[in-house]
Every structure is written in C-alpha cells, then in structure tokens.
C-alpha cells in the first residue's frame, strides 16, 4: 500500500528505494554522491540501504583512483531486469469486468 502525503506526494517503499539505487548504478552513477542525488535520498538513508544491498550481494564497492565506486553484481542486474519485467507486465494488464 502506498501512503500519500498531499504536500510531498506518494512515499516510496523500501523495495522502490532499493530499485532506485540499483537503477542509478546501472545508469552509470557509481559514486556515492551521484547515487544519492539520482535516487533522491539523504546521505544516511542511502548509506544504510547500500549496506543492505552489499550484504544481499546485489552491489559491490570498489576503490577507483582513491574513490569509492559501486557496481551492480550479476545478481543485482538480474534482480533489476526481473523487477522491470514484472512491473511492465503488471502495467500492461487490462482490467476485465466480471
């Protein structure tokens, strides 16, 4: 169920936040600050979700030229593709009146 606040719009679920982060990484935003801005999250929330994604084996962090960079794992890529596939299938279903 999506909670809605008139002033700020619908809230994202934890799943949607994770997907937004993974999509940002897949789109080429591997640096933490870039991921935070692309996902529209605070630093603290982004870091805590990123730790969970790492523990789940969906993303890995690497040091590139002295800076932290995140990339999707093969498992993370599959999860993201499956999510988009299911979402598009559900959105394309038409409601049939009985």
N, C-alpha and C. Protein backbone atom coordinates (compact mmCIF):
# COMPACT_ATOMS: atom_id res chain seq x y z
N UNK A 1 0.85 -1.16 0.00
CA UNK A 1 0.00 0.00 0.00
C UNK A 1 0.90 1.24 0.00
N UNK A 2 0.57 2.20 -0.83
CA UNK A 2 1.34 3.43 -0.91
C UNK A 2 0.68 4.49 -0.06
N UNK A 3 1.45 5.02 0.89
CA UNK A 3 0.94 6.12 1.70
C UNK A 3 1.11 7.40 0.90
N UNK A 4 0.16 8.30 1.02
CA UNK A 4 0.26 9.53 0.25
C UNK A 4 0.14 10.73 1.17
N UNK A 5 1.05 11.64 1.01
CA UNK A 5 1.04 12.90 1.73
C UNK A 5 0.78 13.98 0.69
N UNK A 6 -0.22 14.78 0.90
CA UNK A 6 -0.64 15.78 -0.08
C UNK A 6 0.51 16.73 -0.43
N UNK A 7 1.35 17.07 0.53
CA UNK A 7 2.41 18.04 0.28
C UNK A 7 3.59 17.47 -0.50
N UNK A 8 3.95 16.24 -0.25
CA UNK A 8 5.15 15.69 -0.88
C UNK A 8 4.87 14.55 -1.85
N UNK A 9 3.68 14.09 -1.99
CA UNK A 9 3.36 13.02 -2.92
C UNK A 9 3.48 11.65 -2.29
N UNK A 10 3.41 10.62 -3.12
CA UNK A 10 3.46 9.25 -2.59
C UNK A 10 4.84 8.90 -2.05
N UNK A 11 4.86 8.14 -0.97
CA UNK A 11 6.12 7.68 -0.40
C UNK A 11 6.56 6.42 -1.13
N UNK A 12 7.86 6.23 -1.20
CA UNK A 12 8.40 5.03 -1.82
C UNK A 12 8.53 3.93 -0.77
N UNK A 13 8.30 2.71 -1.21
CA UNK A 13 8.52 1.57 -0.33
C UNK A 13 10.02 1.30 -0.25
N UNK A 14 10.42 0.44 0.67
CA UNK A 14 11.83 0.06 0.78
C UNK A 14 12.30 -0.60 -0.51
N UNK A 15 11.43 -1.40 -1.11
CA UNK A 15 11.77 -2.04 -2.39
C UNK A 15 12.03 -0.99 -3.46
N UNK A 16 11.17 0.01 -3.55
CA UNK A 16 11.34 1.05 -4.57
C UNK A 16 12.62 1.85 -4.35
N UNK A 17 12.99 2.09 -3.10
CA UNK A 17 14.23 2.80 -2.80
C UNK A 17 15.41 1.96 -3.27
N UNK A 18 15.39 0.67 -2.97
CA UNK A 18 16.47 -0.21 -3.41
C UNK A 18 16.57 -0.23 -4.93
N UNK A 19 15.42 -0.32 -5.60
CA UNK A 19 15.40 -0.34 -7.06
C UNK A 19 15.93 0.97 -7.62
N UNK A 20 15.55 2.09 -7.02
CA UNK A 20 16.05 3.40 -7.47
C UNK A 20 17.57 3.48 -7.36
N UNK A 21 18.11 2.98 -6.28
CA UNK A 21 19.57 2.97 -6.10
C UNK A 21 20.23 2.08 -7.14
N UNK A 22 19.69 0.88 -7.32
CA UNK A 22 20.28 -0.05 -8.29
C UNK A 22 20.17 0.51 -9.71
N UNK A 23 19.07 1.19 -10.02
CA UNK A 23 18.90 1.78 -11.34
C UNK A 23 19.90 2.90 -11.56
N UNK A 24 20.14 3.70 -10.53
CA UNK A 24 21.13 4.77 -10.63
C UNK A 24 22.51 4.19 -10.94
N UNK A 25 22.85 3.10 -10.27
CA UNK A 25 24.14 2.44 -10.51
C UNK A 25 24.18 1.88 -11.92
N UNK A 26 23.11 1.24 -12.34
CA UNK A 26 23.05 0.66 -13.69
C UNK A 26 23.16 1.73 -14.77
N UNK A 27 22.66 2.93 -14.47
CA UNK A 27 22.72 4.04 -15.42
C UNK A 27 24.07 4.74 -15.44
N UNK A 28 25.00 4.27 -14.62
CA UNK A 28 26.35 4.80 -14.65
C UNK A 28 26.74 5.69 -13.49
N UNK A 29 25.87 5.86 -12.52
CA UNK A 29 26.19 6.68 -11.34
C UNK A 29 26.75 5.78 -10.26
N UNK A 30 28.04 5.54 -10.29
CA UNK A 30 28.64 4.63 -9.32
C UNK A 30 29.17 5.30 -8.08
N UNK A 31 29.37 6.61 -8.12
CA UNK A 31 29.90 7.33 -6.98
C UNK A 31 28.78 7.58 -5.97
N UNK A 32 29.07 7.45 -4.67
CA UNK A 32 28.03 7.59 -3.65
C UNK A 32 27.21 8.88 -3.74
N UNK A 33 27.86 10.00 -3.96
CA UNK A 33 27.12 11.26 -4.03
C UNK A 33 26.19 11.27 -5.23
N UNK A 34 26.66 10.75 -6.36
CA UNK A 34 25.83 10.70 -7.56
C UNK A 34 24.62 9.79 -7.35
N UNK A 35 24.84 8.67 -6.70
CA UNK A 35 23.74 7.74 -6.40
C UNK A 35 22.72 8.42 -5.49
N UNK A 36 23.20 9.11 -4.49
CA UNK A 36 22.33 9.80 -3.54
C UNK A 36 21.44 10.81 -4.27
N UNK A 37 22.03 11.62 -5.14
CA UNK A 37 21.24 12.62 -5.86
C UNK A 37 20.29 11.98 -6.86
N UNK A 38 20.76 10.98 -7.62
CA UNK A 38 19.90 10.33 -8.62
C UNK A 38 18.74 9.60 -7.97
N UNK A 39 18.95 9.09 -6.75
CA UNK A 39 17.91 8.34 -6.04
C UNK A 39 17.04 9.23 -5.17
N UNK A 40 17.42 10.49 -5.06
CA UNK A 40 16.68 11.46 -4.24
C UNK A 40 16.58 11.00 -2.78
N UNK A 41 17.74 10.71 -2.20
CA UNK A 41 17.81 10.22 -0.82
C UNK A 41 18.78 11.06 -0.01
N UNK A 42 18.63 11.01 1.30
CA UNK A 42 19.62 11.63 2.17
C UNK A 42 20.84 10.71 2.23
N UNK A 43 21.95 11.30 2.69
CA UNK A 43 23.19 10.53 2.78
C UNK A 43 23.03 9.33 3.72
N UNK A 44 22.42 9.53 4.88
CA UNK A 44 22.29 8.46 5.87
C UNK A 44 21.42 7.32 5.35
N UNK A 45 20.32 7.65 4.71
CA UNK A 45 19.43 6.62 4.17
C UNK A 45 20.13 5.86 3.05
N UNK A 46 20.79 6.59 2.16
CA UNK A 46 21.49 5.94 1.04
C UNK A 46 22.55 4.98 1.56
N UNK A 47 23.32 5.39 2.54
CA UNK A 47 24.39 4.53 3.09
C UNK A 47 23.81 3.27 3.73
N UNK A 48 22.72 3.42 4.50
CA UNK A 48 22.16 2.24 5.16
C UNK A 48 21.58 1.26 4.14
N UNK A 49 20.92 1.77 3.12
CA UNK A 49 20.36 0.89 2.09
C UNK A 49 21.50 0.25 1.30
N UNK A 50 22.55 1.02 1.04
CA UNK A 50 23.69 0.49 0.28
C UNK A 50 24.34 -0.68 1.03
N UNK A 51 24.43 -0.58 2.36
CA UNK A 51 24.98 -1.68 3.15
C UNK A 51 24.14 -2.94 3.00
N UNK A 52 22.82 -2.77 3.01
CA UNK A 52 21.91 -3.91 2.84
C UNK A 52 22.10 -4.53 1.45
N UNK A 53 22.18 -3.69 0.43
CA UNK A 53 22.36 -4.19 -0.94
C UNK A 53 23.68 -4.95 -1.07
N UNK A 54 24.72 -4.48 -0.39
CA UNK A 54 26.00 -5.18 -0.41
C UNK A 54 25.89 -6.53 0.30
N UNK A 55 25.22 -6.56 1.45
CA UNK A 55 25.05 -7.81 2.19
C UNK A 55 24.24 -8.82 1.39
N UNK A 56 23.30 -8.33 0.59
CA UNK A 56 22.47 -9.21 -0.24
C UNK A 56 23.19 -9.64 -1.52
N UNK A 57 24.37 -9.10 -1.76
CA UNK A 57 25.14 -9.48 -2.94
C UNK A 57 24.63 -8.84 -4.22
N UNK A 58 23.94 -7.71 -4.11
CA UNK A 58 23.39 -7.04 -5.29
C UNK A 58 24.32 -5.96 -5.83
N UNK A 59 25.13 -5.37 -4.97
CA UNK A 59 26.13 -4.38 -5.39
C UNK A 59 27.43 -4.67 -4.66
N UNK A 60 28.53 -4.21 -5.25
CA UNK A 60 29.84 -4.28 -4.61
C UNK A 60 30.49 -2.91 -4.72
N UNK A 61 31.34 -2.60 -3.73
CA UNK A 61 32.07 -1.34 -3.78
C UNK A 61 33.51 -1.63 -4.15
N UNK A 62 34.07 -0.70 -4.90
CA UNK A 62 35.47 -0.82 -5.33
C UNK A 62 36.13 0.54 -5.15
N UNK A 63 37.44 0.51 -4.93
CA UNK A 63 38.21 1.74 -4.88
C UNK A 63 38.76 1.99 -6.27
N UNK A 64 38.40 3.15 -6.85
CA UNK A 64 38.90 3.53 -8.16
C UNK A 64 39.54 4.90 -8.01
N UNK A 65 40.86 4.95 -8.23
CA UNK A 65 41.62 6.18 -8.09
C UNK A 65 41.39 6.84 -6.73
N UNK A 66 41.37 6.02 -5.69
CA UNK A 66 41.21 6.51 -4.33
C UNK A 66 39.79 6.89 -3.94
N UNK A 67 38.83 6.61 -4.81
CA UNK A 67 37.43 6.94 -4.51
C UNK A 67 36.58 5.69 -4.56
N UNK A 68 35.58 5.68 -3.68
CA UNK A 68 34.66 4.54 -3.64
C UNK A 68 33.73 4.62 -4.85
N UNK A 69 33.50 3.47 -5.45
CA UNK A 69 32.63 3.36 -6.61
C UNK A 69 31.82 2.07 -6.46
N UNK A 70 30.53 2.14 -6.78
CA UNK A 70 29.66 0.97 -6.66
C UNK A 70 29.30 0.46 -8.04
N UNK A 71 29.22 -0.86 -8.15
CA UNK A 71 28.77 -1.50 -9.38
C UNK A 71 27.78 -2.60 -9.02
N UNK A 72 26.87 -2.86 -9.95
CA UNK A 72 25.93 -3.96 -9.76
C UNK A 72 26.64 -5.28 -9.99
N UNK A 73 26.28 -6.26 -9.21
CA UNK A 73 26.76 -7.61 -9.46
C UNK A 73 25.87 -8.23 -10.53
N UNK A 74 26.23 -9.41 -10.98
CA UNK A 74 25.39 -10.12 -11.94
C UNK A 74 24.01 -10.37 -11.34
N UNK A 75 24.00 -10.74 -10.05
CA UNK A 75 22.73 -10.97 -9.35
C UNK A 75 21.91 -9.68 -9.30
N UNK A 76 22.55 -8.55 -9.02
CA UNK A 76 21.87 -7.27 -8.98
C UNK A 76 21.26 -6.90 -10.32
N UNK A 77 22.00 -7.16 -11.39
CA UNK A 77 21.50 -6.90 -12.74
C UNK A 77 20.27 -7.75 -13.04
N UNK A 78 20.32 -9.02 -12.65
CA UNK A 78 19.17 -9.92 -12.88
C UNK A 78 17.95 -9.45 -12.08
N UNK A 79 18.16 -9.05 -10.83
CA UNK A 79 17.06 -8.58 -9.99
C UNK A 79 16.42 -7.34 -10.62
N UNK A 80 17.23 -6.41 -11.08
CA UNK A 80 16.72 -5.19 -11.69
C UNK A 80 15.94 -5.50 -12.97
N UNK A 81 16.47 -6.39 -13.80
CA UNK A 81 15.76 -6.77 -15.02
C UNK A 81 14.44 -7.47 -14.71
N UNK A 82 14.45 -8.34 -13.72
CA UNK A 82 13.22 -9.05 -13.33
C UNK A 82 12.18 -8.07 -12.81
N UNK A 83 12.61 -7.12 -11.99
CA UNK A 83 11.69 -6.11 -11.46
C UNK A 83 11.03 -5.34 -12.60
N UNK A 84 11.83 -4.87 -13.55
CA UNK A 84 11.28 -4.10 -14.67
C UNK A 84 10.35 -4.95 -15.54
N UNK A 85 10.68 -6.21 -15.70
CA UNK A 85 9.84 -7.11 -16.48
C UNK A 85 8.48 -7.32 -15.82
N UNK A 86 8.51 -7.60 -14.53
CA UNK A 86 7.26 -7.81 -13.78
C UNK A 86 6.43 -6.53 -13.77
N UNK A 87 7.08 -5.41 -13.54
CA UNK A 87 6.37 -4.13 -13.50
C UNK A 87 5.70 -3.83 -14.84
N UNK A 88 6.40 -4.05 -15.94
CA UNK A 88 5.80 -3.77 -17.25
C UNK A 88 4.66 -4.73 -17.56
N UNK A 89 4.79 -5.98 -17.13
CA UNK A 89 3.71 -6.94 -17.35
C UNK A 89 2.48 -6.56 -16.55
N UNK A 90 2.67 -6.12 -15.31
CA UNK A 90 1.53 -5.73 -14.48
C UNK A 90 0.86 -4.46 -14.99
N UNK A 91 1.68 -3.53 -15.50
CA UNK A 91 1.12 -2.28 -16.02
C UNK A 91 0.38 -2.48 -17.33
N UNK A 92 0.74 -3.54 -18.08
CA UNK A 92 0.10 -3.76 -19.37
C UNK A 92 -1.18 -4.60 -19.27
N UNK A 93 -1.44 -5.16 -18.11
CA UNK A 93 -2.65 -5.95 -17.94
C UNK A 93 -3.87 -5.05 -17.98
N UNK A 94 -4.89 -5.50 -18.66
CA UNK A 94 -6.12 -4.74 -18.68
C UNK A 94 -7.10 -5.35 -17.68
N UNK A 95 -7.90 -4.51 -17.10
CA UNK A 95 -8.88 -4.97 -16.12
C UNK A 95 -10.10 -5.48 -16.87
N UNK A 96 -10.49 -6.71 -16.54
CA UNK A 96 -11.64 -7.31 -17.18
C UNK A 96 -12.78 -7.35 -16.16
N UNK A 97 -13.90 -6.73 -16.51
CA UNK A 97 -15.05 -6.72 -15.61
C UNK A 97 -15.75 -8.08 -15.67
N UNK A 98 -16.16 -8.56 -14.52
CA UNK A 98 -16.85 -9.86 -14.47
C UNK A 98 -18.32 -9.65 -14.31
